[in-house]
Amino acid sequence: MGNIIAHDRYYLCHTIKNYMIMATILTSDILYATISQRGTAIASLTLSGVSSIAEIINRIKSVVKNTIGMLTINLRNGTQGWRQQRNIILKPRPRAVQLTLF
């Protein structure tokens, strides 16, 4: 599929052979995300009101809270008709430290 390159806050770019394709995310778009780990789908989301990949990843993290490791995100923009696949790695969250006052 090519290399995935982050380009600006509001655009996703990826190269397919020698072609550059820009995929814009608008807050009015309806996005469908399927999250899988090791080939097994663990969540499917329908999103709207987001304008960046960072917002999408934050929503995904809130849904798959206790999942760690590499996740594959298949993202489809139903409004504009484009599709992308991204891989992310989620690390375990550090344990909270409770402070006591003497």
N, C-alpha and C. Protein backbone atom coordinates (compact mmCIF):
# COMPACT_ATOMS: atom_id res chain seq x y z
N MET A 1 0.82 -1.18 0.00
CA MET A 1 0.00 0.00 0.00
C MET A 1 0.86 1.25 0.00
N GLY A 2 2.08 1.18 0.49
CA GLY A 2 2.94 2.35 0.47
C GLY A 2 3.25 2.84 1.86
N ASN A 3 3.96 3.94 1.92
CA ASN A 3 4.32 4.52 3.20
C ASN A 3 3.23 5.47 3.67
N ILE A 4 2.98 5.46 4.96
CA ILE A 4 2.02 6.38 5.53
C ILE A 4 2.81 7.54 6.12
N ILE A 5 2.44 8.74 5.74
CA ILE A 5 3.16 9.93 6.16
C ILE A 5 2.17 10.89 6.81
N ALA A 6 2.50 11.39 7.99
CA ALA A 6 1.66 12.42 8.62
C ALA A 6 2.00 13.75 7.98
N HIS A 7 1.02 14.45 7.48
CA HIS A 7 1.24 15.72 6.80
C HIS A 7 0.22 16.72 7.30
N ASP A 8 0.65 17.60 8.18
CA ASP A 8 -0.23 18.62 8.70
C ASP A 8 -1.22 18.00 9.68
N ARG A 9 -1.95 18.82 10.35
CA ARG A 9 -2.88 18.34 11.36
C ARG A 9 -4.17 17.80 10.75
N TYR A 10 -4.57 18.32 9.61
CA TYR A 10 -5.87 17.99 9.06
C TYR A 10 -5.82 17.09 7.84
N TYR A 11 -4.66 16.63 7.47
CA TYR A 11 -4.55 15.81 6.27
C TYR A 11 -3.81 14.51 6.56
N LEU A 12 -4.20 13.49 5.87
CA LEU A 12 -3.47 12.23 5.88
C LEU A 12 -2.93 12.03 4.48
N CYS A 13 -1.70 11.63 4.39
CA CYS A 13 -1.12 11.38 3.07
C CYS A 13 -0.56 9.98 3.04
N HIS A 14 -0.60 9.37 1.92
CA HIS A 14 0.17 8.15 1.75
C HIS A 14 0.56 8.04 0.28
N THR A 15 1.67 7.41 0.05
CA THR A 15 2.16 7.27 -1.30
C THR A 15 1.86 5.87 -1.79
N ILE A 16 1.36 5.78 -2.98
CA ILE A 16 1.16 4.49 -3.64
C ILE A 16 2.01 4.57 -4.91
N LYS A 17 3.08 3.79 -4.90
CA LYS A 17 4.09 3.86 -5.95
C LYS A 17 4.59 5.29 -6.01
N ASN A 18 4.36 6.03 -7.07
CA ASN A 18 4.87 7.39 -7.17
C ASN A 18 3.76 8.44 -7.08
N TYR A 19 2.59 8.06 -6.60
CA TYR A 19 1.48 8.99 -6.55
C TYR A 19 1.21 9.39 -5.11
N MET A 20 0.90 10.64 -4.88
CA MET A 20 0.57 11.14 -3.56
C MET A 20 -0.94 11.40 -3.53
N ILE A 21 -1.61 10.82 -2.55
CA ILE A 21 -3.05 10.99 -2.41
C ILE A 21 -3.31 11.67 -1.07
N MET A 22 -4.06 12.75 -1.08
CA MET A 22 -4.37 13.47 0.15
C MET A 22 -5.81 13.13 0.53
N ALA A 23 -6.02 12.82 1.78
CA ALA A 23 -7.35 12.50 2.29
C ALA A 23 -7.68 13.49 3.39
N THR A 24 -8.65 14.35 3.14
CA THR A 24 -9.05 15.36 4.11
C THR A 24 -10.10 14.78 5.05
N ILE A 25 -10.02 15.16 6.31
CA ILE A 25 -11.05 14.78 7.28
C ILE A 25 -11.78 16.04 7.71
N LEU A 26 -13.07 16.08 7.45
CA LEU A 26 -13.91 17.22 7.85
C LEU A 26 -14.80 16.80 9.01
N THR A 27 -15.18 17.75 9.85
CA THR A 27 -16.03 17.42 11.00
C THR A 27 -17.39 16.91 10.58
N SER A 28 -17.82 17.19 9.37
CA SER A 28 -19.12 16.71 8.88
C SER A 28 -19.05 15.30 8.29
N ASP A 29 -17.85 14.74 8.15
CA ASP A 29 -17.68 13.41 7.56
C ASP A 29 -18.14 12.31 8.52
N ILE A 30 -18.62 11.23 7.95
CA ILE A 30 -18.94 10.03 8.72
C ILE A 30 -17.83 9.02 8.44
N LEU A 31 -17.13 8.63 9.50
CA LEU A 31 -16.00 7.72 9.40
C LEU A 31 -16.33 6.38 10.04
N TYR A 32 -15.88 5.31 9.41
CA TYR A 32 -16.06 3.97 9.94
C TYR A 32 -14.68 3.40 10.23
N ALA A 33 -14.46 2.98 11.46
CA ALA A 33 -13.16 2.43 11.86
C ALA A 33 -13.35 1.02 12.39
N THR A 34 -12.55 0.11 11.87
CA THR A 34 -12.50 -1.25 12.39
C THR A 34 -11.10 -1.44 12.96
N ILE A 35 -11.05 -1.85 14.23
CA ILE A 35 -9.78 -2.04 14.91
C ILE A 35 -9.56 -3.53 15.09
N SER A 36 -8.40 -4.01 14.68
CA SER A 36 -8.11 -5.43 14.82
C SER A 36 -6.73 -5.62 15.44
N GLN A 37 -6.59 -6.76 16.09
CA GLN A 37 -5.31 -7.15 16.68
C GLN A 37 -5.06 -8.59 16.30
N ARG A 38 -3.91 -8.83 15.70
CA ARG A 38 -3.52 -10.17 15.23
C ARG A 38 -4.58 -10.78 14.31
N GLY A 39 -5.19 -9.95 13.47
CA GLY A 39 -6.17 -10.42 12.50
C GLY A 39 -7.58 -10.58 13.02
N THR A 40 -7.83 -10.32 14.30
CA THR A 40 -9.16 -10.45 14.88
C THR A 40 -9.72 -9.07 15.17
N ALA A 41 -10.91 -8.79 14.64
CA ALA A 41 -11.56 -7.50 14.90
C ALA A 41 -11.94 -7.42 16.37
N ILE A 42 -11.52 -6.33 17.03
CA ILE A 42 -11.84 -6.17 18.45
C ILE A 42 -12.81 -5.02 18.69
N ALA A 43 -12.99 -4.14 17.70
CA ALA A 43 -13.95 -3.03 17.85
C ALA A 43 -14.27 -2.46 16.48
N SER A 44 -15.49 -1.96 16.37
CA SER A 44 -15.92 -1.22 15.17
C SER A 44 -16.60 0.05 15.65
N LEU A 45 -16.22 1.17 15.05
CA LEU A 45 -16.75 2.47 15.47
C LEU A 45 -17.29 3.23 14.27
N THR A 46 -18.30 4.03 14.52
CA THR A 46 -18.77 5.02 13.57
C THR A 46 -18.50 6.37 14.22
N LEU A 47 -17.73 7.21 13.54
CA LEU A 47 -17.30 8.48 14.11
C LEU A 47 -17.79 9.65 13.26
N SER A 48 -18.05 10.75 13.92
CA SER A 48 -18.30 12.02 13.23
C SER A 48 -17.89 13.13 14.18
N GLY A 49 -17.69 14.32 13.63
CA GLY A 49 -17.28 15.44 14.45
C GLY A 49 -15.79 15.50 14.74
N VAL A 50 -15.00 14.67 14.07
CA VAL A 50 -13.55 14.70 14.25
C VAL A 50 -12.91 15.32 13.02
N SER A 51 -11.73 15.93 13.22
CA SER A 51 -11.08 16.59 12.08
C SER A 51 -9.61 16.20 11.93
N SER A 52 -9.16 15.22 12.71
CA SER A 52 -7.75 14.81 12.57
C SER A 52 -7.60 13.35 12.98
N ILE A 53 -6.51 12.75 12.54
CA ILE A 53 -6.21 11.37 12.91
C ILE A 53 -5.94 11.27 14.40
N ALA A 54 -5.40 12.32 15.01
CA ALA A 54 -5.14 12.31 16.45
C ALA A 54 -6.44 12.16 17.23
N GLU A 55 -7.49 12.86 16.81
CA GLU A 55 -8.78 12.75 17.47
C GLU A 55 -9.36 11.34 17.30
N ILE A 56 -9.18 10.77 16.13
CA ILE A 56 -9.67 9.41 15.87
C ILE A 56 -8.95 8.42 16.78
N ILE A 57 -7.64 8.54 16.88
CA ILE A 57 -6.86 7.62 17.72
C ILE A 57 -7.25 7.78 19.19
N ASN A 58 -7.49 9.00 19.64
CA ASN A 58 -7.93 9.20 21.03
C ASN A 58 -9.27 8.54 21.29
N ARG A 59 -10.19 8.61 20.34
CA ARG A 59 -11.48 7.93 20.51
C ARG A 59 -11.30 6.42 20.54
N ILE A 60 -10.42 5.91 19.69
CA ILE A 60 -10.15 4.47 19.66
C ILE A 60 -9.54 4.02 20.98
N LYS A 61 -8.58 4.80 21.50
CA LYS A 61 -7.96 4.46 22.78
C LYS A 61 -8.99 4.40 23.91
N SER A 62 -9.98 5.27 23.88
CA SER A 62 -11.00 5.24 24.94
C SER A 62 -11.89 4.01 24.84
N VAL A 63 -12.02 3.43 23.66
CA VAL A 63 -12.85 2.24 23.48
C VAL A 63 -12.08 0.96 23.84
N VAL A 64 -10.81 0.90 23.48
CA VAL A 64 -10.00 -0.30 23.72
C VAL A 64 -9.03 -0.06 24.87
N LYS A 65 -9.53 0.41 25.99
CA LYS A 65 -8.73 0.84 27.13
C LYS A 65 -7.71 -0.18 27.61
N ASN A 66 -8.08 -1.41 27.75
CA ASN A 66 -7.21 -2.42 28.36
C ASN A 66 -6.42 -3.23 27.34
N THR A 67 -6.42 -2.80 26.09
CA THR A 67 -5.70 -3.51 25.05
C THR A 67 -4.30 -2.92 24.90
N ILE A 68 -3.30 -3.80 24.80
CA ILE A 68 -1.93 -3.35 24.55
C ILE A 68 -1.39 -4.11 23.35
N GLY A 69 -0.37 -3.54 22.71
CA GLY A 69 0.25 -4.18 21.56
C GLY A 69 -0.10 -3.45 20.27
N MET A 70 0.21 -4.08 19.15
CA MET A 70 -0.02 -3.46 17.86
C MET A 70 -1.47 -3.67 17.41
N LEU A 71 -2.09 -2.57 16.98
CA LEU A 71 -3.46 -2.60 16.47
C LEU A 71 -3.45 -2.10 15.04
N THR A 72 -4.31 -2.67 14.23
CA THR A 72 -4.50 -2.21 12.86
C THR A 72 -5.83 -1.49 12.79
N ILE A 73 -5.80 -0.27 12.27
CA ILE A 73 -7.01 0.53 12.12
C ILE A 73 -7.33 0.62 10.64
N ASN A 74 -8.48 0.10 10.26
CA ASN A 74 -8.99 0.27 8.90
C ASN A 74 -10.01 1.40 8.97
N LEU A 75 -9.69 2.50 8.33
CA LEU A 75 -10.50 3.71 8.41
C LEU A 75 -11.11 3.99 7.05
N ARG A 76 -12.44 4.15 7.03
CA ARG A 76 -13.14 4.46 5.78
C ARG A 76 -13.95 5.72 5.97
N ASN A 77 -13.81 6.65 5.06
CA ASN A 77 -14.61 7.87 5.07
C ASN A 77 -15.81 7.64 4.16
N GLY A 78 -16.97 7.42 4.77
CA GLY A 78 -18.17 7.15 4.00
C GLY A 78 -18.67 8.35 3.23
N THR A 79 -18.33 9.54 3.68
CA THR A 79 -18.77 10.76 3.01
C THR A 79 -17.95 11.04 1.76
N GLN A 80 -16.63 10.91 1.86
CA GLN A 80 -15.76 11.25 0.73
C GLN A 80 -15.35 10.03 -0.10
N GLY A 81 -15.47 8.84 0.49
CA GLY A 81 -15.21 7.62 -0.27
C GLY A 81 -13.78 7.10 -0.26
N TRP A 82 -12.93 7.57 0.64
CA TRP A 82 -11.58 7.04 0.69
C TRP A 82 -11.42 6.07 1.85
N ARG A 83 -10.36 5.28 1.78
CA ARG A 83 -10.07 4.27 2.80
C ARG A 83 -8.57 4.28 3.08
N GLN A 84 -8.21 4.09 4.37
CA GLN A 84 -6.80 3.99 4.75
C GLN A 84 -6.64 2.94 5.83
N GLN A 85 -5.44 2.39 5.89
CA GLN A 85 -5.09 1.45 6.96
C GLN A 85 -3.88 2.01 7.69
N ARG A 86 -3.93 1.99 9.02
CA ARG A 86 -2.83 2.48 9.85
C ARG A 86 -2.56 1.47 10.95
N ASN A 87 -1.33 1.40 11.39
CA ASN A 87 -0.95 0.56 12.53
C ASN A 87 -0.51 1.46 13.67
N ILE A 88 -0.95 1.14 14.87
CA ILE A 88 -0.51 1.86 16.05
C ILE A 88 -0.10 0.85 17.12
N ILE A 89 0.74 1.29 18.02
CA ILE A 89 1.15 0.44 19.14
C ILE A 89 0.69 1.10 20.43
N LEU A 90 -0.07 0.35 21.23
CA LEU A 90 -0.52 0.84 22.53
C LEU A 90 0.32 0.18 23.61
N LYS A 91 0.90 1.00 24.47
CA LYS A 91 1.71 0.50 25.58
C LYS A 91 0.88 0.49 26.84
N PRO A 92 1.23 -0.34 27.82
CA PRO A 92 0.49 -0.33 29.08
C PRO A 92 0.63 1.03 29.77
N ARG A 93 -0.44 1.45 30.38
CA ARG A 93 -0.40 2.71 31.12
C ARG A 93 0.32 2.50 32.44
N PRO A 94 1.13 3.47 32.84
CA PRO A 94 1.81 3.31 34.13
C PRO A 94 0.79 3.35 35.27
N ARG A 95 1.10 2.58 36.29
CA ARG A 95 0.20 2.56 37.45
C ARG A 95 0.18 3.92 38.12
N ALA A 96 -0.99 4.29 38.60
CA ALA A 96 -1.11 5.57 39.30
C ALA A 96 -0.46 5.46 40.68
N VAL A 97 0.18 6.51 41.07
CA VAL A 97 0.82 6.56 42.38
C VAL A 97 -0.07 7.40 43.29
N GLN A 98 -0.46 6.81 44.41
CA GLN A 98 -1.30 7.54 45.35
C GLN A 98 -0.40 8.26 46.36
N LEU A 99 -0.60 9.55 46.45
CA LEU A 99 0.18 10.35 47.37
C LEU A 99 -0.58 10.51 48.68
N THR A 100 0.12 10.44 49.76
CA THR A 100 -0.52 10.64 51.07
C THR A 100 0.07 11.86 51.73
N LEU A 101 -0.74 12.54 52.48
CA LEU A 101 -0.29 13.71 53.22
C LEU A 101 -0.08 13.32 54.67
N PHE A 102 0.98 13.77 55.25
CA PHE A 102 1.28 13.44 56.65
C PHE A 102 0.74 14.50 57.56
